[in-house]
Amino acid sequence: MRIDVQDLLKAARYLPPDQQAELLQGIAQSLAQAVSPLAPASAEFWAHRSIEEIARQQGAHQFVDLESLAMPDWPPDESADDVIAFIHEQRRMNRHE
């Protein structure tokens, strides 16, 4: 049995407005999933999650000791400004490659 689009539209006109809106939303979601493989991922991205839940999902750990983040091979005679200047220079060179 083949259903014609015009027959579907005709039948939809007999639905109450709230059911027409629900039908339209369902068709739009179905089309979005068919057209874009990112649609389900996008819905998950926008889902409400707490910071704790996101950290748990990503395996993030809380740092208590700030010293544990220090670079062990940081030259003692270089300032933070020297390191920042080096990073900026490397980025500038990478843009011109």
PDB file of N, CA and C in Angstrom:
ATOM      1  N   MET A   1       0.842  -1.179   0.000  1.00  0.00           N
ATOM      2  CA  MET A   1       0.000   0.000   0.000  1.00  0.00           C
ATOM      3  C   MET A   1       0.883   1.236   0.000  1.00  0.00           C
ATOM      4  N   ARG A   2       0.686   2.099  -0.960  1.00  0.00           N
ATOM      5  CA  ARG A   2       1.470   3.332  -1.084  1.00  0.00           C
ATOM      6  C   ARG A   2       0.630   4.509  -0.605  1.00  0.00           C
ATOM      7  N   ILE A   3       1.229   5.290   0.286  1.00  0.00           N
ATOM      8  CA  ILE A   3       0.521   6.474   0.796  1.00  0.00           C
ATOM      9  C   ILE A   3       1.090   7.695   0.101  1.00  0.00           C
ATOM     10  N   ASP A   4       0.233   8.490  -0.465  1.00  0.00           N
ATOM     11  CA  ASP A   4       0.631   9.701  -1.174  1.00  0.00           C
ATOM     12  C   ASP A   4       0.806  10.854  -0.170  1.00  0.00           C
ATOM     13  N   VAL A   5       1.757  11.709  -0.436  1.00  0.00           N
ATOM     14  CA  VAL A   5       2.015  12.853   0.436  1.00  0.00           C
ATOM     15  C   VAL A   5       0.773  13.729   0.552  1.00  0.00           C
ATOM     16  N   GLN A   6       0.082  13.919  -0.539  1.00  0.00           N
ATOM     17  CA  GLN A   6      -1.133  14.751  -0.504  1.00  0.00           C
ATOM     18  C   GLN A   6      -2.197  14.139   0.407  1.00  0.00           C
ATOM     19  N   ASP A   7      -2.282  12.802   0.421  1.00  0.00           N
ATOM     20  CA  ASP A   7      -3.235  12.136   1.315  1.00  0.00           C
ATOM     21  C   ASP A   7      -2.850  12.362   2.779  1.00  0.00           C
ATOM     22  N   LEU A   8      -1.549  12.319   3.045  1.00  0.00           N
ATOM     23  CA  LEU A   8      -1.083  12.580   4.409  1.00  0.00           C
ATOM     24  C   LEU A   8      -1.393  14.005   4.846  1.00  0.00           C
ATOM     25  N   LEU A   9      -1.163  14.956   3.957  1.00  0.00           N
ATOM     26  CA  LEU A   9      -1.452  16.352   4.282  1.00  0.00           C
ATOM     27  C   LEU A   9      -2.946  16.557   4.521  1.00  0.00           C
ATOM     28  N   LYS A  10      -3.756  15.929   3.697  1.00  0.00           N
ATOM     29  CA  LYS A  10      -5.211  16.037   3.849  1.00  0.00           C
ATOM     30  C   LYS A  10      -5.643  15.477   5.198  1.00  0.00           C
ATOM     31  N   ALA A  11      -5.090  14.317   5.577  1.00  0.00           N
ATOM     32  CA  ALA A  11      -5.425  13.704   6.866  1.00  0.00           C
ATOM     33  C   ALA A  11      -4.937  14.561   8.024  1.00  0.00           C
ATOM     34  N   ALA A  12      -3.762  15.162   7.868  1.00  0.00           N
ATOM     35  CA  ALA A  12      -3.201  15.993   8.939  1.00  0.00           C
ATOM     36  C   ALA A  12      -4.049  17.218   9.203  1.00  0.00           C
ATOM     37  N   ARG A  13      -4.721  17.722   8.182  1.00  0.00           N
ATOM     38  CA  ARG A  13      -5.568  18.921   8.360  1.00  0.00           C
ATOM     39  C   ARG A  13      -6.737  18.657   9.294  1.00  0.00           C
ATOM     40  N   TYR A  14      -7.107  17.399   9.471  1.00  0.00           N
ATOM     41  CA  TYR A  14      -8.216  17.050  10.353  1.00  0.00           C
ATOM     42  C   TYR A  14      -7.784  16.900  11.810  1.00  0.00           C
ATOM     43  N   LEU A  15      -6.499  16.921  12.033  1.00  0.00           N
ATOM     44  CA  LEU A  15      -5.996  16.826  13.404  1.00  0.00           C
ATOM     45  C   LEU A  15      -6.152  18.159  14.123  1.00  0.00           C
ATOM     46  N   PRO A  16      -6.297  18.131  15.453  1.00  0.00           N
ATOM     47  CA  PRO A  16      -6.304  19.380  16.216  1.00  0.00           C
ATOM     48  C   PRO A  16      -4.936  20.064  16.090  1.00  0.00           C
ATOM     49  N   PRO A  17      -4.886  21.381  16.269  1.00  0.00           N
ATOM     50  CA  PRO A  17      -3.626  22.119  16.100  1.00  0.00           C
ATOM     51  C   PRO A  17      -2.461  21.573  16.925  1.00  0.00           C
ATOM     52  N   ASP A  18      -2.716  21.151  18.174  1.00  0.00           N
ATOM     53  CA  ASP A  18      -1.616  20.649  18.993  1.00  0.00           C
ATOM     54  C   ASP A  18      -1.047  19.347  18.426  1.00  0.00           C
ATOM     55  N   GLN A  19      -1.899  18.500  17.845  1.00  0.00           N
ATOM     56  CA  GLN A  19      -1.421  17.263  17.235  1.00  0.00           C
ATOM     57  C   GLN A  19      -0.733  17.544  15.897  1.00  0.00           C
ATOM     58  N   GLN A  20      -1.191  18.567  15.183  1.00  0.00           N
ATOM     59  CA  GLN A  20      -0.503  18.961  13.952  1.00  0.00           C
ATOM     60  C   GLN A  20       0.919  19.429  14.285  1.00  0.00           C
ATOM     61  N   ALA A  21       1.050  20.201  15.354  1.00  0.00           N
ATOM     62  CA  ALA A  21       2.370  20.684  15.773  1.00  0.00           C
ATOM     63  C   ALA A  21       3.254  19.512  16.183  1.00  0.00           C
ATOM     64  N   GLU A  22       2.673  18.533  16.904  1.00  0.00           N
ATOM     65  CA  GLU A  22       3.432  17.357  17.315  1.00  0.00           C
ATOM     66  C   GLU A  22       3.889  16.548  16.098  1.00  0.00           C
ATOM     67  N   LEU A  23       3.007  16.420  15.111  1.00  0.00           N
ATOM     68  CA  LEU A  23       3.351  15.709  13.877  1.00  0.00           C
ATOM     69  C   LEU A  23       4.476  16.429  13.142  1.00  0.00           C
ATOM     70  N   LEU A  24       4.364  17.735  13.049  1.00  0.00           N
ATOM     71  CA  LEU A  24       5.388  18.534  12.376  1.00  0.00           C
ATOM     72  C   LEU A  24       6.730  18.415  13.089  1.00  0.00           C
ATOM     73  N   GLN A  25       6.715  18.445  14.405  1.00  0.00           N
ATOM     74  CA  GLN A  25       7.952  18.306  15.176  1.00  0.00           C
ATOM     75  C   GLN A  25       8.571  16.931  14.951  1.00  0.00           C
ATOM     76  N   GLY A  26       7.750  15.895  14.933  1.00  0.00           N
ATOM     77  CA  GLY A  26       8.257  14.543  14.695  1.00  0.00           C
ATOM     78  C   GLY A  26       8.870  14.406  13.315  1.00  0.00           C
ATOM     79  N   ILE A  27       8.244  14.987  12.306  1.00  0.00           N
ATOM     80  CA  ILE A  27       8.782  14.939  10.940  1.00  0.00           C
ATOM     81  C   ILE A  27      10.093  15.719  10.871  1.00  0.00           C
ATOM     82  N   ALA A  28      10.141  16.883  11.516  1.00  0.00           N
ATOM     83  CA  ALA A  28      11.359  17.698  11.508  1.00  0.00           C
ATOM     84  C   ALA A  28      12.516  16.949  12.178  1.00  0.00           C
ATOM     85  N   GLN A  29      12.255  16.283  13.303  1.00  0.00           N
ATOM     86  CA  GLN A  29      13.305  15.533  13.989  1.00  0.00           C
ATOM     87  C   GLN A  29      13.781  14.355  13.134  1.00  0.00           C
ATOM     88  N   SER A  30      12.851  13.685  12.495  1.00  0.00           N
ATOM     89  CA  SER A  30      13.202  12.560  11.636  1.00  0.00           C
ATOM     90  C   SER A  30      14.052  13.025  10.459  1.00  0.00           C
ATOM     91  N   LEU A  31      13.676  14.140   9.874  1.00  0.00           N
ATOM     92  CA  LEU A  31      14.430  14.690   8.750  1.00  0.00           C
ATOM     93  C   LEU A  31      15.820  15.138   9.192  1.00  0.00           C
ATOM     94  N   ALA A  32      15.899  15.768  10.352  1.00  0.00           N
ATOM     95  CA  ALA A  32      17.200  16.226  10.860  1.00  0.00           C
ATOM     96  C   ALA A  32      18.147  15.048  11.078  1.00  0.00           C
ATOM     97  N   GLN A  33      17.633  13.953  11.597  1.00  0.00           N
ATOM     98  CA  GLN A  33      18.472  12.775  11.825  1.00  0.00           C
ATOM     99  C   GLN A  33      18.899  12.140  10.509  1.00  0.00           C
ATOM    100  N   ALA A  34      18.001  12.171   9.516  1.00  0.00           N
ATOM    101  CA  ALA A  34      18.330  11.575   8.220  1.00  0.00           C
ATOM    102  C   ALA A  34      19.350  12.419   7.469  1.00  0.00           C
ATOM    103  N   VAL A  35      19.261  13.735   7.611  1.00  0.00           N
ATOM    104  CA  VAL A  35      20.134  14.642   6.878  1.00  0.00           C
ATOM    105  C   VAL A  35      21.473  14.831   7.582  1.00  0.00           C
ATOM    106  N   SER A  36      21.445  14.927   8.903  1.00  0.00           N
ATOM    107  CA  SER A  36      22.662  15.217   9.651  1.00  0.00           C
ATOM    108  C   SER A  36      22.965  14.108  10.650  1.00  0.00           C
ATOM    109  N   PRO A  37      24.098  13.435  10.497  1.00  0.00           N
ATOM    110  CA  PRO A  37      24.469  12.428  11.491  1.00  0.00           C
ATOM    111  C   PRO A  37      24.839  13.047  12.836  1.00  0.00           C
ATOM    112  N   LEU A  38      24.974  14.368  12.877  1.00  0.00           N
ATOM    113  CA  LEU A  38      25.345  15.042  14.127  1.00  0.00           C
ATOM    114  C   LEU A  38      24.133  15.359  14.992  1.00  0.00           C
ATOM    115  N   ALA A  39      22.932  15.172  14.480  1.00  0.00           N
ATOM    116  CA  ALA A  39      21.732  15.541  15.237  1.00  0.00           C
ATOM    117  C   ALA A  39      21.673  14.856  16.599  1.00  0.00           C
ATOM    118  N   PRO A  40      21.869  13.530  16.703  1.00  0.00           N
ATOM    119  CA  PRO A  40      21.832  12.921  18.040  1.00  0.00           C
ATOM    120  C   PRO A  40      22.948  13.449  18.944  1.00  0.00           C
ATOM    121  N   ALA A  41      24.127  13.654  18.385  1.00  0.00           N
ATOM    122  CA  ALA A  41      25.230  14.182  19.178  1.00  0.00           C
ATOM    123  C   ALA A  41      24.909  15.595  19.646  1.00  0.00           C
ATOM    124  N   SER A  42      24.268  16.373  18.786  1.00  0.00           N
ATOM    125  CA  SER A  42      23.913  17.737  19.148  1.00  0.00           C
ATOM    126  C   SER A  42      22.917  17.747  20.302  1.00  0.00           C
ATOM    127  N   ALA A  43      21.935  16.849  20.252  1.00  0.00           N
ATOM    128  CA  ALA A  43      20.954  16.778  21.339  1.00  0.00           C
ATOM    129  C   ALA A  43      21.640  16.423  22.653  1.00  0.00           C
ATOM    130  N   GLU A  44      22.601  15.500  22.598  1.00  0.00           N
ATOM    131  CA  GLU A  44      23.335  15.128  23.806  1.00  0.00           C
ATOM    132  C   GLU A  44      24.168  16.296  24.322  1.00  0.00           C
ATOM    133  N   PHE A  45      24.747  17.060  23.391  1.00  0.00           N
ATOM    134  CA  PHE A  45      25.574  18.202  23.774  1.00  0.00           C
ATOM    135  C   PHE A  45      24.758  19.218  24.560  1.00  0.00           C
ATOM    136  N   TRP A  46      23.531  19.466  24.119  1.00  0.00           N
ATOM    137  CA  TRP A  46      22.709  20.495  24.745  1.00  0.00           C
ATOM    138  C   TRP A  46      21.941  20.002  25.965  1.00  0.00           C
ATOM    139  N   ALA A  47      22.050  18.704  26.280  1.00  0.00           N
ATOM    140  CA  ALA A  47      21.360  18.174  27.451  1.00  0.00           C
ATOM    141  C   ALA A  47      21.951  18.792  28.716  1.00  0.00           C
ATOM    142  N   HIS A  48      21.093  19.053  29.694  1.00  0.00           N
ATOM    143  CA  HIS A  48      21.548  19.665  30.947  1.00  0.00           C
ATOM    144  C   HIS A  48      22.296  18.635  31.785  1.00  0.00           C
ATOM    145  N   ARG A  49      23.560  18.926  32.099  1.00  0.00           N
ATOM    146  CA  ARG A  49      24.368  18.073  32.962  1.00  0.00           C
ATOM    147  C   ARG A  49      25.144  18.964  33.913  1.00  0.00           C
ATOM    148  N   SER A  50      25.360  18.461  35.107  1.00  0.00           N
ATOM    149  CA  SER A  50      26.117  19.226  36.100  1.00  0.00           C
ATOM    150  C   SER A  50      27.610  19.153  35.767  1.00  0.00           C
ATOM    151  N   ILE A  51      28.364  20.075  36.325  1.00  0.00           N
ATOM    152  CA  ILE A  51      29.817  20.083  36.145  1.00  0.00           C
ATOM    153  C   ILE A  51      30.416  18.769  36.665  1.00  0.00           C
ATOM    154  N   GLU A  52      29.909  18.297  37.788  1.00  0.00           N
ATOM    155  CA  GLU A  52      30.412  17.051  38.363  1.00  0.00           C
ATOM    156  C   GLU A  52      30.182  15.877  37.405  1.00  0.00           C
ATOM    157  N   GLU A  53      28.997  15.831  36.764  1.00  0.00           N
ATOM    158  CA  GLU A  53      28.685  14.750  35.832  1.00  0.00           C
ATOM    159  C   GLU A  53      29.590  14.813  34.600  1.00  0.00           C
ATOM    160  N   ILE A  54      29.812  16.001  34.077  1.00  0.00           N
ATOM    161  CA  ILE A  54      30.691  16.162  32.913  1.00  0.00           C
ATOM    162  C   ILE A  54      32.116  15.739  33.267  1.00  0.00           C
ATOM    163  N   ALA A  55      32.599  16.159  34.433  1.00  0.00           N
ATOM    164  CA  ALA A  55      33.949  15.793  34.872  1.00  0.00           C
ATOM    165  C   ALA A  55      34.069  14.280  35.026  1.00  0.00           C
ATOM    166  N   ARG A  56      33.048  13.657  35.573  1.00  0.00           N
ATOM    167  CA  ARG A  56      33.060  12.205  35.758  1.00  0.00           C
ATOM    168  C   ARG A  56      33.080  11.495  34.398  1.00  0.00           C
ATOM    169  N   GLN A  57      32.281  11.970  33.439  1.00  0.00           N
ATOM    170  CA  GLN A  57      32.234  11.365  32.107  1.00  0.00           C
ATOM    171  C   GLN A  57      33.570  11.503  31.378  1.00  0.00           C
ATOM    172  N   GLN A  58      34.250  12.612  31.614  1.00  0.00           N
ATOM    173  CA  GLN A  58      35.518  12.862  30.919  1.00  0.00           C
ATOM    174  C   GLN A  58      36.719  12.346  31.693  1.00  0.00           C
ATOM    175  N   GLY A  59      36.481  11.789  32.866  1.00  0.00           N
ATOM    176  CA  GLY A  59      37.580  11.246  33.654  1.00  0.00           C
ATOM    177  C   GLY A  59      38.485  12.321  34.232  1.00  0.00           C
ATOM    178  N   ALA A  60      37.946  13.522  34.432  1.00  0.00           N
ATOM    179  CA  ALA A  60      38.744  14.618  34.989  1.00  0.00           C
ATOM    180  C   ALA A  60      38.964  14.379  36.486  1.00  0.00           C
ATOM    181  N   HIS A  61      40.118  14.794  36.951  1.00  0.00           N
ATOM    182  CA  HIS A  61      40.449  14.644  38.365  1.00  0.00           C
ATOM    183  C   HIS A  61      40.676  16.011  38.986  1.00  0.00           C
ATOM    184  N   GLN A  62      40.320  16.127  40.232  1.00  0.00           N
ATOM    185  CA  GLN A  62      40.508  17.377  40.954  1.00  0.00           C
ATOM    186  C   GLN A  62      41.957  17.482  41.410  1.00  0.00           C
ATOM    187  N   PHE A  63      42.573  18.640  41.156  1.00  0.00           N
ATOM    188  CA  PHE A  63      43.943  18.866  41.599  1.00  0.00           C
ATOM    189  C   PHE A  63      43.915  19.565  42.946  1.00  0.00           C
ATOM    190  N   VAL A  64      44.631  18.987  43.885  1.00  0.00           N
ATOM    191  CA  VAL A  64      44.716  19.570  45.221  1.00  0.00           C
ATOM    192  C   VAL A  64      46.063  20.240  45.392  1.00  0.00           C
ATOM    193  N   ASP A  65      47.093  19.645  44.804  1.00  0.00           N
ATOM    194  CA  ASP A  65      48.456  20.126  44.948  1.00  0.00           C
ATOM    195  C   ASP A  65      48.865  20.892  43.693  1.00  0.00           C
ATOM    196  N   LEU A  66      48.960  22.201  43.781  1.00  0.00           N
ATOM    197  CA  LEU A  66      49.326  23.036  42.645  1.00  0.00           C
ATOM    198  C   LEU A  66      50.732  22.712  42.144  1.00  0.00           C
ATOM    199  N   GLU A  67      51.602  22.306  43.021  1.00  0.00           N
ATOM    200  CA  GLU A  67      52.972  21.955  42.639  1.00  0.00           C
ATOM    201  C   GLU A  67      53.008  20.783  41.653  1.00  0.00           C
ATOM    202  N   SER A  68      51.990  19.916  41.702  1.00  0.00           N
ATOM    203  CA  SER A  68      51.968  18.760  40.799  1.00  0.00           C
ATOM    204  C   SER A  68      51.766  19.184  39.345  1.00  0.00           C
ATOM    205  N   LEU A  69      51.321  20.405  39.133  1.00  0.00           N
ATOM    206  CA  LEU A  69      51.112  20.906  37.772  1.00  0.00           C
ATOM    207  C   LEU A  69      52.363  21.587  37.204  1.00  0.00           C
ATOM    208  N   ALA A  70      53.336  21.839  38.034  1.00  0.00           N
ATOM    209  CA  ALA A  70      54.543  22.539  37.592  1.00  0.00           C
ATOM    210  C   ALA A  70      55.339  21.670  36.630  1.00  0.00           C
ATOM    211  N   MET A  71      55.946  22.310  35.628  1.00  0.00           N
ATOM    212  CA  MET A  71      56.780  21.593  34.666  1.00  0.00           C
ATOM    213  C   MET A  71      58.122  21.277  35.326  1.00  0.00           C
ATOM    214  N   PRO A  72      58.500  19.996  35.360  1.00  0.00           N
ATOM    215  CA  PRO A  72      59.757  19.641  36.033  1.00  0.00           C
ATOM    216  C   PRO A  72      60.994  20.148  35.297  1.00  0.00           C
ATOM    217  N   ASP A  73      60.888  20.364  33.977  1.00  0.00           N
ATOM    218  CA  ASP A  73      62.061  20.784  33.211  1.00  0.00           C
ATOM    219  C   ASP A  73      62.046  22.278  32.873  1.00  0.00           C
ATOM    220  N   TRP A  74      61.287  23.066  33.619  1.00  0.00           N
ATOM    221  CA  TRP A  74      61.244  24.510  33.401  1.00  0.00           C
ATOM    222  C   TRP A  74      62.590  25.097  33.821  1.00  0.00           C
ATOM    223  N   PRO A  75      63.282  25.760  32.917  1.00  0.00           N
ATOM    224  CA  PRO A  75      64.586  26.346  33.278  1.00  0.00           C
ATOM    225  C   PRO A  75      64.407  27.405  34.362  1.00  0.00           C
ATOM    226  N   PRO A  76      65.214  27.329  35.408  1.00  0.00           N
ATOM    227  CA  PRO A  76      65.048  28.257  36.537  1.00  0.00           C
ATOM    228  C   PRO A  76      65.345  29.709  36.170  1.00  0.00           C
ATOM    229  N   ASP A  77      66.130  29.935  35.104  1.00  0.00           N
ATOM    230  CA  ASP A  77      66.478  31.310  34.753  1.00  0.00           C
ATOM    231  C   ASP A  77      65.491  31.935  33.754  1.00  0.00           C
ATOM    232  N   GLU A  78      64.423  31.209  33.368  1.00  0.00           N
ATOM    233  CA  GLU A  78      63.434  31.763  32.444  1.00  0.00           C
ATOM    234  C   GLU A  78      62.194  32.204  33.210  1.00  0.00           C
ATOM    235  N   SER A  79      61.732  33.384  32.836  1.00  0.00           N
ATOM    236  CA  SER A  79      60.526  33.893  33.479  1.00  0.00           C
ATOM    237  C   SER A  79      59.297  33.394  32.708  1.00  0.00           C
ATOM    238  N   ALA A  80      58.153  33.580  33.299  1.00  0.00           N
ATOM    239  CA  ALA A  80      56.905  33.223  32.617  1.00  0.00           C
ATOM    240  C   ALA A  80      56.763  34.034  31.337  1.00  0.00           C
ATOM    241  N   ASP A  81      57.225  35.290  31.346  1.00  0.00           N
ATOM    242  CA  ASP A  81      57.160  36.129  30.145  1.00  0.00           C
ATOM    243  C   ASP A  81      58.006  35.544  29.012  1.00  0.00           C
ATOM    244  N   ASP A  82      59.152  34.957  29.351  1.00  0.00           N
ATOM    245  CA  ASP A  82      60.002  34.315  28.333  1.00  0.00           C
ATOM    246  C   ASP A  82      59.273  33.135  27.685  1.00  0.00           C
ATOM    247  N   VAL A  83      58.612  32.339  28.496  1.00  0.00           N
ATOM    248  CA  VAL A  83      57.890  31.183  27.979  1.00  0.00           C
ATOM    249  C   VAL A  83      56.723  31.632  27.098  1.00  0.00           C
ATOM    250  N   ILE A  84      55.981  32.631  27.539  1.00  0.00           N
ATOM    251  CA  ILE A  84      54.864  33.154  26.750  1.00  0.00           C
ATOM    252  C   ILE A  84      55.356  33.712  25.426  1.00  0.00           C
ATOM    253  N   ALA A  85      56.464  34.439  25.441  1.00  0.00           N
ATOM    254  CA  ALA A  85      57.035  34.978  24.203  1.00  0.00           C
ATOM    255  C   ALA A  85      57.440  33.845  23.261  1.00  0.00           C
ATOM    256  N   PHE A  86      58.024  32.784  23.806  1.00  0.00           N
ATOM    257  CA  PHE A  86      58.411  31.631  22.993  1.00  0.00           C
ATOM    258  C   PHE A  86      57.186  30.994  22.339  1.00  0.00           C
ATOM    259  N   ILE A  87      56.115  30.804  23.114  1.00  0.00           N
ATOM    260  CA  ILE A  87      54.886  30.211  22.587  1.00  0.00           C
ATOM    261  C   ILE A  87      54.310  31.078  21.476  1.00  0.00           C
ATOM    262  N   HIS A  88      54.257  32.381  21.681  1.00  0.00           N
ATOM    263  CA  HIS A  88      53.743  33.296  20.643  1.00  0.00           C
ATOM    264  C   HIS A  88      54.584  33.219  19.379  1.00  0.00           C
ATOM    265  N   GLU A  89      55.890  33.145  19.531  1.00  0.00           N
ATOM    266  CA  GLU A  89      56.776  33.044  18.368  1.00  0.00           C
ATOM    267  C   GLU A  89      56.540  31.734  17.612  1.00  0.00           C
ATOM    268  N   GLN A  90      56.378  30.641  18.349  1.00  0.00           N
ATOM    269  CA  GLN A  90      56.111  29.352  17.705  1.00  0.00           C
ATOM    270  C   GLN A  90      54.787  29.390  16.939  1.00  0.00           C
ATOM    271  N   ARG A  91      53.767  29.988  17.517  1.00  0.00           N
ATOM    272  CA  ARG A  91      52.477  30.103  16.833  1.00  0.00           C
ATOM    273  C   ARG A  91      52.586  30.948  15.582  1.00  0.00           C
ATOM    274  N   ARG A  92      53.340  32.053  15.687  1.00  0.00           N
ATOM    275  CA  ARG A  92      53.528  32.927  14.530  1.00  0.00           C
ATOM    276  C   ARG A  92      54.226  32.176  13.398  1.00  0.00           C
ATOM    277  N   MET A  93      55.246  31.404  13.754  1.00  0.00           N
ATOM    278  CA  MET A  93      55.984  30.641  12.736  1.00  0.00           C
ATOM    279  C   MET A  93      55.103  29.565  12.118  1.00  0.00           C
ATOM    280  N   ASN A  94      54.255  28.919  12.933  1.00  0.00           N
ATOM    281  CA  ASN A  94      53.366  27.877  12.430  1.00  0.00           C
ATOM    282  C   ASN A  94      52.328  28.439  11.456  1.00  0.00           C
ATOM    283  N   ARG A  95      51.901  29.669  11.667  1.00  0.00           N
ATOM    284  CA  ARG A  95      50.918  30.290  10.760  1.00  0.00           C
ATOM    285  C   ARG A  95      51.523  30.569   9.392  1.00  0.00           C
ATOM    286  N   HIS A  96      52.809  30.771   9.338  1.00  0.00           N
ATOM    287  CA  HIS A  96      53.467  31.134   8.085  1.00  0.00           C
ATOM    288  C   HIS A  96      54.060  29.938   7.332  1.00  0.00           C
ATOM    289  N   GLU A  97      53.816  28.736   7.844  1.00  0.00           N
ATOM    290  CA  GLU A  97      54.341  27.530   7.149  1.00  0.00           C
ATOM    291  C   GLU A  97      53.445  27.130   6.023  1.00  0.00           C
TER     292      GLU A  97
END
